[in-house]
C-alpha atoms as a PDB file:
ATOM      1  CA  MET A   1     103.408 103.821  93.411  1.00  0.00           C
ATOM      2  CA  GLN A   2     103.130 100.884  91.046  1.00  0.00           C
ATOM      3  CA  LYS A   3     104.222  97.432  92.025  1.00  0.00           C
ATOM      4  CA  VAL A   4     106.879  95.996  89.761  1.00  0.00           C
ATOM      5  CA  LYS A   5     106.306  92.354  88.933  1.00  0.00           C
ATOM      6  CA  ARG A   6     109.286  90.070  89.128  1.00  0.00           C
ATOM      7  CA  LYS A   7     110.305  88.290  85.995  1.00  0.00           C
ATOM      8  CA  THR A   8     109.999  84.541  86.135  1.00  0.00           C
ATOM      9  CA  TYR A   9     112.017  82.354  83.846  1.00  0.00           C
ATOM     10  CA  THR A  10     111.369  78.784  82.798  1.00  0.00           C
ATOM     11  CA  ALA A  11     113.793  76.020  83.605  1.00  0.00           C
ATOM     12  CA  GLN A  12     114.549  75.591  79.900  1.00  0.00           C
ATOM     13  CA  PHE A  13     115.467  79.261  79.585  1.00  0.00           C
ATOM     14  CA  LYS A  14     117.724  79.105  82.641  1.00  0.00           C
ATOM     15  CA  ALA A  15     119.436  75.997  81.299  1.00  0.00           C
ATOM     16  CA  LYS A  16     119.928  77.575  77.883  1.00  0.00           C
ATOM     17  CA  VAL A  17     121.493  80.731  79.318  1.00  0.00           C
ATOM     18  CA  GLY A  18     123.575  78.808  81.864  1.00  0.00           C
ATOM     19  CA  LEU A  19     124.937  76.385  79.277  1.00  0.00           C
ATOM     20  CA  GLU A  20     125.833  79.244  76.993  1.00  0.00           C
ATOM     21  CA  ALA A  21     127.777  80.819  79.856  1.00  0.00           C
ATOM     22  CA  ILE A  22     129.561  77.513  80.494  1.00  0.00           C
ATOM     23  CA  ARG A  23     130.582  77.259  76.841  1.00  0.00           C
ATOM     24  CA  GLY A  24     132.438  80.562  77.221  1.00  0.00           C
ATOM     25  CA  ILE A  25     132.013  81.701  73.636  1.00  0.00           C
ATOM     26  CA  GLN A  26     130.616  85.042  74.817  1.00  0.00           C
ATOM     27  CA  THR A  27     131.254  86.933  78.012  1.00  0.00           C
ATOM     28  CA  VAL A  28     128.698  86.856  80.800  1.00  0.00           C
ATOM     29  CA  ASN A  29     127.896  90.519  80.119  1.00  0.00           C
ATOM     30  CA  GLU A  30     127.211  89.812  76.447  1.00  0.00           C
ATOM     31  CA  ILE A  31     124.959  86.874  77.328  1.00  0.00           C
ATOM     32  CA  GLY A  32     123.101  88.997  79.849  1.00  0.00           C
ATOM     33  CA  LEU A  33     122.500  91.732  77.290  1.00  0.00           C
ATOM     34  CA  ALA A  34     121.407  89.241  74.639  1.00  0.00           C
ATOM     35  CA  TYR A  35     118.811  87.572  76.880  1.00  0.00           C
ATOM     36  CA  GLY A  36     117.839  90.563  79.016  1.00  0.00           C
ATOM     37  CA  VAL A  37     119.153  89.026  82.235  1.00  0.00           C
ATOM     38  CA  HIS A  38     121.517  90.551  84.775  1.00  0.00           C
ATOM     39  CA  PRO A  39     125.068  89.118  84.516  1.00  0.00           C
ATOM     40  CA  VAL A  40     125.039  88.126  88.194  1.00  0.00           C
ATOM     41  CA  GLN A  41     121.960  86.000  87.523  1.00  0.00           C
ATOM     42  CA  VAL A  42     123.697  84.387  84.554  1.00  0.00           C
ATOM     43  CA  ASN A  43     126.628  83.464  86.814  1.00  0.00           C
ATOM     44  CA  LEU A  44     124.241  81.989  89.415  1.00  0.00           C
ATOM     45  CA  TRP A  45     122.563  79.796  86.802  1.00  0.00           C
ATOM     46  CA  LYS A  46     125.951  78.753  85.442  1.00  0.00           C
ATOM     47  CA  LYS A  47     127.150  77.766  88.919  1.00  0.00           C
ATOM     48  CA  GLU A  48     123.904  75.872  89.623  1.00  0.00           C
ATOM     49  CA  ILE A  49     124.285  73.838  86.434  1.00  0.00           C
ATOM     50  CA  GLN A  50     127.875  72.985  87.324  1.00  0.00           C
ATOM     51  CA  VAL A  51     126.908  71.867  90.840  1.00  0.00           C
ATOM     52  CA  GLN A  52     123.848  69.874  89.785  1.00  0.00           C
ATOM     53  CA  SER A  53     125.521  68.191  86.808  1.00  0.00           C
ATOM     54  CA  GLY A  54     127.399  65.836  89.138  1.00  0.00           C
ATOM     55  CA  LEU A  55     124.103  64.486  90.455  1.00  0.00           C
ATOM     56  CA  LEU A  56     123.099  63.206  87.019  1.00  0.00           C
ATOM     57  CA  PHE A  57     125.509  60.290  87.172  1.00  0.00           C
ATOM     58  CA  GLU A  58     125.443  59.435  90.882  1.00  0.00           C
ATOM     59  CA  THR A  59     122.731  56.788  90.762  1.00  0.00           C
ATOM     60  CA  LYS A  60     123.699  53.268  89.831  1.00  0.00           C
ATOM     61  CA  ARG A  61     121.621  50.909  87.768  1.00  0.00           C
ATOM     62  CA  GLY A  62     121.472  48.327  90.551  1.00  0.00           C
ATOM     63  CA  LYS A  63     119.775  50.674  92.990  1.00  0.00           C
ATOM     64  CA  LYS A  64     117.014  51.406  90.525  1.00  0.00           C
ATOM     65  CA  LYS A  65     116.415  47.702  90.014  1.00  0.00           C
ATOM     66  CA  GLU A  66     116.056  47.132  93.763  1.00  0.00           C
ATOM     67  CA  ALA A  67     113.543  49.957  93.989  1.00  0.00           C
ATOM     68  CA  ASP A  68     111.554  48.474  91.094  1.00  0.00           C
ATOM     69  CA  GLU A  69     111.539  45.033  92.721  1.00  0.00           C
ATOM     70  CA  GLN A  70     110.364  46.474  96.017  1.00  0.00           C
ATOM     71  CA  ALA A  71     107.621  48.466  94.308  1.00  0.00           C
ATOM     72  CA  SER A  72     106.431  45.432  92.345  1.00  0.00           C
ATOM     73  CA  THR A  73     106.460  43.309  95.525  1.00  0.00           C
ATOM     74  CA  GLU A  74     104.353  45.900  97.337  1.00  0.00           C
ATOM     75  CA  ARG A  75     101.995  46.098  94.375  1.00  0.00           C
ATOM     76  CA  LEU A  76     101.575  42.316  94.338  1.00  0.00           C
ATOM     77  CA  TYR A  77     100.897  42.157  98.085  1.00  0.00           C
ATOM     78  CA  GLY A  78      98.291  44.870  97.629  1.00  0.00           C
ATOM     79  CA  GLU A  79      96.650  42.891  94.841  1.00  0.00           C
ATOM     80  CA  ILE A  80      96.614  39.749  97.018  1.00  0.00           C
ATOM     81  CA  GLY A  81      94.961  41.659  99.846  1.00  0.00           C
ATOM     82  CA  LYS A  82      92.339  43.084  97.500  1.00  0.00           C
ATOM     83  CA  LEU A  83      91.527  39.659  96.043  1.00  0.00           C
ATOM     84  CA  LYS A  84      91.306  38.112  99.521  1.00  0.00           C
ATOM     85  CA  MET A  85      88.831  40.789 100.598  1.00  0.00           C
ATOM     86  CA  GLU A  86      86.728  40.175  97.474  1.00  0.00           C
ATOM     87  CA  LEU A  87      86.762  36.419  98.109  1.00  0.00           C
ATOM     88  CA  ASP A  88      85.686  36.883 101.730  1.00  0.00           C
ATOM     89  CA  TRP A  89      82.873  39.200 100.623  1.00  0.00           C
ATOM     90  CA  LEU A  90      81.678  36.698  98.004  1.00  0.00           C
ATOM     91  CA  LYS A  91      81.734  33.863 100.551  1.00  0.00           C
ATOM     92  CA  LYS A  92      79.697  35.965 102.969  1.00  0.00           C
ATOM     93  CA  LYS A  93      77.152  36.948 100.291  1.00  0.00           C
ATOM     94  CA  SER A  94      76.735  33.418  98.974  1.00  0.00           C
ATOM     95  CA  GLY A  95      76.363  31.898 102.437  1.00  0.00           C
ATOM     96  CA  LEU A  96      79.305  29.514 102.075  1.00  0.00           C
ATOM     97  CA  SER A  97      81.322  28.843 105.166  1.00  0.00           C
ATOM     98  CA  LEU A  98      84.503  26.825 105.343  1.00  0.00           C
END
């Protein structure tokens, strides 16, 4: 008995088929026949796009700015720590003591 490999579809393909189903120009059965996908799968992709589309506009601009500021602050503190370690190493190598 041969093993049947499952078909895997790219995200772009799923989005294309799902958006076409949302447009409603063709029936789900027609879309399924055109792309070689079962109509139930087309409906699942359509529903997933509808659910996930609300998440596109949930984030505010202010939140992103705060995250960027925090990341840059952490990056700067890391750079300070690195430079301090280099300075201590140079002092130790040169024999200077303060």
